[in-house]
Amino acid sequence: MKIVLASNNPGKLREIGQMLADSDIQVVPQSRFHVVEVEETGLTFVENAILKARNAAAQSGLPAIADDSGLEVDALNGAPGIYSARFAGASAGDADNLRKLLTELKGVPEDQRDARFQCLMVYLRHADDPTPLICQGTWKGRITTEPRGESGFGYDP
């Protein structure tokens, strides 16, 4: 069975491909079908993942899987949330987003820096699927006062 991944991120393709390696599911990138990325206009991670999956399924004719994920910080009322990738601006990179996050949290005591990384994945059997399969993972933690580590990306630990 083939499914289209509603992403142009090679890292996501590799990760999802590895997760499904022992199955009969072949994950195909949306770029193979020249899928034009949809604007993420949803107000939640779920809404954005559904938008991306519907778009990829409609343009490819295959079942689709999509994710939307981001960081929610309690002291920032859930920000950056769905705007995690563009927290410091549309053309900002990971380092810019991290710098802005730490600036926003300057002066916030360590015991008030609770946060969680949310990952929502959606599977649609077809573009008009009325009952998407929705999976959610949450990684709870706390934001440090300065960056640590070198092997992650974005807000990853």
C-alpha atoms as a PDB file:
ATOM      1  CA  MET A   1       0.000   0.000   0.000  1.00  0.00           C
ATOM      2  CA  LYS A   2       1.254   3.485  -0.846  1.00  0.00           C
ATOM      3  CA  ILE A   3       0.497   6.603   1.167  1.00  0.00           C
ATOM      4  CA  VAL A   4       1.614  10.142   0.483  1.00  0.00           C
ATOM      5  CA  LEU A   5       3.429  12.115   3.153  1.00  0.00           C
ATOM      6  CA  ALA A   6       2.109  15.681   3.232  1.00  0.00           C
ATOM      7  CA  SER A   7       5.542  17.215   3.742  1.00  0.00           C
ATOM      8  CA  ASN A   8       8.610  18.198   1.770  1.00  0.00           C
ATOM      9  CA  ASN A   9      10.846  17.617   4.798  1.00  0.00           C
ATOM     10  CA  PRO A  10      13.308  14.776   4.040  1.00  0.00           C
ATOM     11  CA  GLY A  11      13.813  14.188   7.773  1.00  0.00           C
ATOM     12  CA  LYS A  12      10.107  13.492   8.279  1.00  0.00           C
ATOM     13  CA  LEU A  13      10.074  11.148   5.278  1.00  0.00           C
ATOM     14  CA  ARG A  14      13.025   9.228   6.718  1.00  0.00           C
ATOM     15  CA  GLU A  15      11.540   9.036  10.239  1.00  0.00           C
ATOM     16  CA  ILE A  16       8.091   7.905   9.116  1.00  0.00           C
ATOM     17  CA  GLY A  17       9.614   5.493   6.598  1.00  0.00           C
ATOM     18  CA  GLN A  18      11.653   3.920   9.413  1.00  0.00           C
ATOM     19  CA  MET A  19       8.578   3.623  11.649  1.00  0.00           C
ATOM     20  CA  LEU A  20       6.701   1.781   8.905  1.00  0.00           C
ATOM     21  CA  ALA A  21       9.668  -0.253   7.603  1.00  0.00           C
ATOM     22  CA  ASP A  22       8.289  -3.569   8.885  1.00  0.00           C
ATOM     23  CA  SER A  23       4.873  -3.008   7.310  1.00  0.00           C
ATOM     24  CA  ASP A  24       3.631  -3.248   3.738  1.00  0.00           C
ATOM     25  CA  ILE A  25       3.170   0.533   3.642  1.00  0.00           C
ATOM     26  CA  GLN A  26       5.344   2.558   1.286  1.00  0.00           C
ATOM     27  CA  VAL A  27       5.574   6.255   2.156  1.00  0.00           C
ATOM     28  CA  VAL A  28       5.881   8.511  -0.889  1.00  0.00           C
ATOM     29  CA  PRO A  29       6.797  12.201  -0.586  1.00  0.00           C
ATOM     30  CA  GLN A  30       4.229  14.675  -1.875  1.00  0.00           C
ATOM     31  CA  SER A  31       6.915  16.183  -4.114  1.00  0.00           C
ATOM     32  CA  ARG A  32       6.670  13.089  -6.328  1.00  0.00           C
ATOM     33  CA  PHE A  33       3.162  14.269  -7.246  1.00  0.00           C
ATOM     34  CA  HIS A  34       4.111  17.956  -7.500  1.00  0.00           C
ATOM     35  CA  VAL A  35       1.743  18.725  -4.629  1.00  0.00           C
ATOM     36  CA  VAL A  36       1.508  22.447  -3.976  1.00  0.00           C
ATOM     37  CA  GLU A  37       1.738  23.035  -0.224  1.00  0.00           C
ATOM     38  CA  VAL A  38      -1.424  24.340   1.385  1.00  0.00           C
ATOM     39  CA  GLU A  39      -1.378  27.392   3.627  1.00  0.00           C
ATOM     40  CA  GLU A  40      -1.655  26.417   7.291  1.00  0.00           C
ATOM     41  CA  THR A  41      -4.710  28.468   8.236  1.00  0.00           C
ATOM     42  CA  GLY A  42      -5.943  26.210  11.026  1.00  0.00           C
ATOM     43  CA  LEU A  43      -6.179  27.421  14.601  1.00  0.00           C
ATOM     44  CA  THR A  44      -4.910  24.150  16.089  1.00  0.00           C
ATOM     45  CA  PHE A  45      -2.316  21.483  15.327  1.00  0.00           C
ATOM     46  CA  VAL A  46      -5.146  19.090  14.380  1.00  0.00           C
ATOM     47  CA  GLU A  47      -6.726  21.545  11.938  1.00  0.00           C
ATOM     48  CA  ASN A  48      -3.392  22.213  10.230  1.00  0.00           C
ATOM     49  CA  ALA A  49      -2.550  18.509   9.949  1.00  0.00           C
ATOM     50  CA  ILE A  50      -5.975  17.786   8.425  1.00  0.00           C
ATOM     51  CA  LEU A  51      -5.545  20.643   5.933  1.00  0.00           C
ATOM     52  CA  LYS A  52      -2.176  19.258   4.831  1.00  0.00           C
ATOM     53  CA  ALA A  53      -3.402  15.653   4.598  1.00  0.00           C
ATOM     54  CA  ARG A  54      -6.534  16.582   2.595  1.00  0.00           C
ATOM     55  CA  ASN A  55      -4.461  18.670   0.213  1.00  0.00           C
ATOM     56  CA  ALA A  56      -1.911  15.898  -0.397  1.00  0.00           C
ATOM     57  CA  ALA A  57      -4.608  13.230  -0.783  1.00  0.00           C
ATOM     58  CA  ALA A  58      -6.582  15.384  -3.235  1.00  0.00           C
ATOM     59  CA  GLN A  59      -3.557  16.166  -5.396  1.00  0.00           C
ATOM     60  CA  SER A  60      -2.006  12.672  -5.324  1.00  0.00           C
ATOM     61  CA  GLY A  61      -5.068  10.421  -5.290  1.00  0.00           C
ATOM     62  CA  LEU A  62      -3.491   8.401  -2.467  1.00  0.00           C
ATOM     63  CA  PRO A  63      -4.224   8.046   1.223  1.00  0.00           C
ATOM     64  CA  ALA A  64      -2.246  10.682   3.123  1.00  0.00           C
ATOM     65  CA  ILE A  65      -0.466  11.187   6.388  1.00  0.00           C
ATOM     66  CA  ALA A  66       0.420  14.617   7.769  1.00  0.00           C
ATOM     67  CA  ASP A  67       1.668  16.066  10.983  1.00  0.00           C
ATOM     68  CA  ASP A  68       1.683  19.408  12.678  1.00  0.00           C
ATOM     69  CA  SER A  69       3.723  19.967  15.764  1.00  0.00           C
ATOM     70  CA  GLY A  70       5.120  22.650  17.981  1.00  0.00           C
ATOM     71  CA  LEU A  71       6.118  23.893  21.367  1.00  0.00           C
ATOM     72  CA  GLU A  72       3.670  25.202  23.975  1.00  0.00           C
ATOM     73  CA  VAL A  73       5.079  27.186  26.896  1.00  0.00           C
ATOM     74  CA  ASP A  74       2.838  27.792  29.918  1.00  0.00           C
ATOM     75  CA  ALA A  75       4.480  31.114  30.858  1.00  0.00           C
ATOM     76  CA  LEU A  76       3.731  32.359  27.321  1.00  0.00           C
ATOM     77  CA  ASN A  77       0.067  31.259  27.413  1.00  0.00           C
ATOM     78  CA  GLY A  78       0.768  28.344  25.068  1.00  0.00           C
ATOM     79  CA  ALA A  79       2.954  30.252  22.601  1.00  0.00           C
ATOM     80  CA  PRO A  80       4.609  29.681  20.236  1.00  0.00           C
ATOM     81  CA  GLY A  81       2.112  26.847  19.588  1.00  0.00           C
ATOM     82  CA  ILE A  82       1.053  26.504  15.951  1.00  0.00           C
ATOM     83  CA  TYR A  83       3.451  29.326  15.103  1.00  0.00           C
ATOM     84  CA  SER A  84       6.520  27.461  16.428  1.00  0.00           C
ATOM     85  CA  ALA A  85       8.299  27.266  13.059  1.00  0.00           C
ATOM     86  CA  ARG A  86       7.797  30.976  12.393  1.00  0.00           C
ATOM     87  CA  PHE A  87       7.821  32.355  15.955  1.00  0.00           C
ATOM     88  CA  ALA A  88      10.506  34.938  15.148  1.00  0.00           C
ATOM     89  CA  GLY A  89       9.059  35.749  11.716  1.00  0.00           C
ATOM     90  CA  ALA A  90       8.243  34.104   8.394  1.00  0.00           C
ATOM     91  CA  SER A  91      11.856  33.920   7.205  1.00  0.00           C
ATOM     92  CA  ALA A  92      13.415  33.198  10.608  1.00  0.00           C
ATOM     93  CA  GLY A  93      15.425  30.049  11.218  1.00  0.00           C
ATOM     94  CA  ASP A  94      15.675  27.685  14.159  1.00  0.00           C
ATOM     95  CA  ALA A  95      18.322  29.794  15.924  1.00  0.00           C
ATOM     96  CA  ASP A  96      16.157  32.928  15.572  1.00  0.00           C
ATOM     97  CA  ASN A  97      13.110  31.149  17.006  1.00  0.00           C
ATOM     98  CA  LEU A  98      15.108  29.789  19.924  1.00  0.00           C
ATOM     99  CA  ARG A  99      16.634  33.200  20.627  1.00  0.00           C
ATOM    100  CA  LYS A 100      13.180  34.817  20.639  1.00  0.00           C
ATOM    101  CA  LEU A 101      11.838  32.118  22.958  1.00  0.00           C
ATOM    102  CA  LEU A 102      14.640  32.656  25.467  1.00  0.00           C
ATOM    103  CA  THR A 103      14.213  36.434  25.252  1.00  0.00           C
ATOM    104  CA  GLU A 104      10.466  36.127  25.939  1.00  0.00           C
ATOM    105  CA  LEU A 105      11.236  33.949  28.973  1.00  0.00           C
ATOM    106  CA  LYS A 106      13.944  36.208  30.384  1.00  0.00           C
ATOM    107  CA  GLY A 107      13.255  36.730  34.080  1.00  0.00           C
ATOM    108  CA  VAL A 108      10.792  33.815  34.323  1.00  0.00           C
ATOM    109  CA  PRO A 109      11.888  31.573  37.226  1.00  0.00           C
ATOM    110  CA  GLU A 110      12.982  28.024  36.354  1.00  0.00           C
ATOM    111  CA  ASP A 111      10.016  26.473  38.172  1.00  0.00           C
ATOM    112  CA  GLN A 112       7.621  28.471  35.957  1.00  0.00           C
ATOM    113  CA  ARG A 113       9.128  27.437  32.599  1.00  0.00           C
ATOM    114  CA  ASP A 114       6.994  24.323  32.033  1.00  0.00           C
ATOM    115  CA  ALA A 115       6.386  23.438  28.410  1.00  0.00           C
ATOM    116  CA  ARG A 116       5.348  20.612  26.152  1.00  0.00           C
ATOM    117  CA  PHE A 117       6.135  19.594  22.606  1.00  0.00           C
ATOM    118  CA  GLN A 118       2.988  18.473  20.794  1.00  0.00           C
ATOM    119  CA  CYS A 119       2.949  16.289  17.703  1.00  0.00           C
ATOM    120  CA  LEU A 120      -0.329  15.589  15.929  1.00  0.00           C
ATOM    121  CA  MET A 121      -0.486  13.093  13.080  1.00  0.00           C
ATOM    122  CA  VAL A 122      -3.457  12.608  10.808  1.00  0.00           C
ATOM    123  CA  TYR A 123      -4.202   9.775   8.398  1.00  0.00           C
ATOM    124  CA  LEU A 124      -6.855  10.135   5.693  1.00  0.00           C
ATOM    125  CA  ARG A 125      -7.988   7.237   3.500  1.00  0.00           C
ATOM    126  CA  HIS A 126      -8.913   9.724   0.772  1.00  0.00           C
ATOM    127  CA  ALA A 127      -9.345  13.482   0.360  1.00  0.00           C
ATOM    128  CA  ASP A 128     -13.009  13.429   1.430  1.00  0.00           C
ATOM    129  CA  ASP A 129     -12.523  11.059   4.366  1.00  0.00           C
ATOM    130  CA  PRO A 130     -15.050  12.247   7.012  1.00  0.00           C
ATOM    131  CA  THR A 131     -13.303  10.399   9.857  1.00  0.00           C
ATOM    132  CA  PRO A 132      -9.574  11.074   9.921  1.00  0.00           C
ATOM    133  CA  LEU A 133      -7.436   8.967  12.217  1.00  0.00           C
ATOM    134  CA  ILE A 134      -5.813  11.439  14.623  1.00  0.00           C
ATOM    135  CA  CYS A 135      -2.880  10.558  16.880  1.00  0.00           C
ATOM    136  CA  GLN A 136      -1.254  12.858  19.401  1.00  0.00           C
ATOM    137  CA  GLY A 137       2.018  12.641  21.266  1.00  0.00           C
ATOM    138  CA  THR A 138       3.119  14.998  24.029  1.00  0.00           C
ATOM    139  CA  TRP A 139       6.600  15.438  25.461  1.00  0.00           C
ATOM    140  CA  LYS A 140       6.539  17.420  28.718  1.00  0.00           C
ATOM    141  CA  GLY A 141       9.508  19.347  29.981  1.00  0.00           C
ATOM    142  CA  ARG A 142      10.896  22.677  31.041  1.00  0.00           C
ATOM    143  CA  ILE A 143      12.651  25.405  29.062  1.00  0.00           C
ATOM    144  CA  THR A 144      16.232  25.979  30.187  1.00  0.00           C
ATOM    145  CA  THR A 145      17.730  29.450  30.456  1.00  0.00           C
ATOM    146  CA  GLU A 146      20.216  28.851  27.639  1.00  0.00           C
ATOM    147  CA  PRO A 147      20.543  26.485  24.655  1.00  0.00           C
ATOM    148  CA  ARG A 148      22.057  23.036  25.253  1.00  0.00           C
ATOM    149  CA  GLY A 149      23.037  20.191  22.969  1.00  0.00           C
ATOM    150  CA  GLU A 150      24.012  20.048  19.330  1.00  0.00           C
ATOM    151  CA  SER A 151      22.196  17.111  17.751  1.00  0.00           C
ATOM    152  CA  GLY A 152      18.605  18.348  17.649  1.00  0.00           C
ATOM    153  CA  PHE A 153      16.876  20.922  15.518  1.00  0.00           C
ATOM    154  CA  GLY A 154      14.431  23.692  16.225  1.00  0.00           C
ATOM    155  CA  TYR A 155      13.257  23.421  19.805  1.00  0.00           C
ATOM    156  CA  ASP A 156      14.286  19.766  20.104  1.00  0.00           C
ATOM    157  CA  PRO A 157      16.179  18.718  23.220  1.00  0.00           C
END
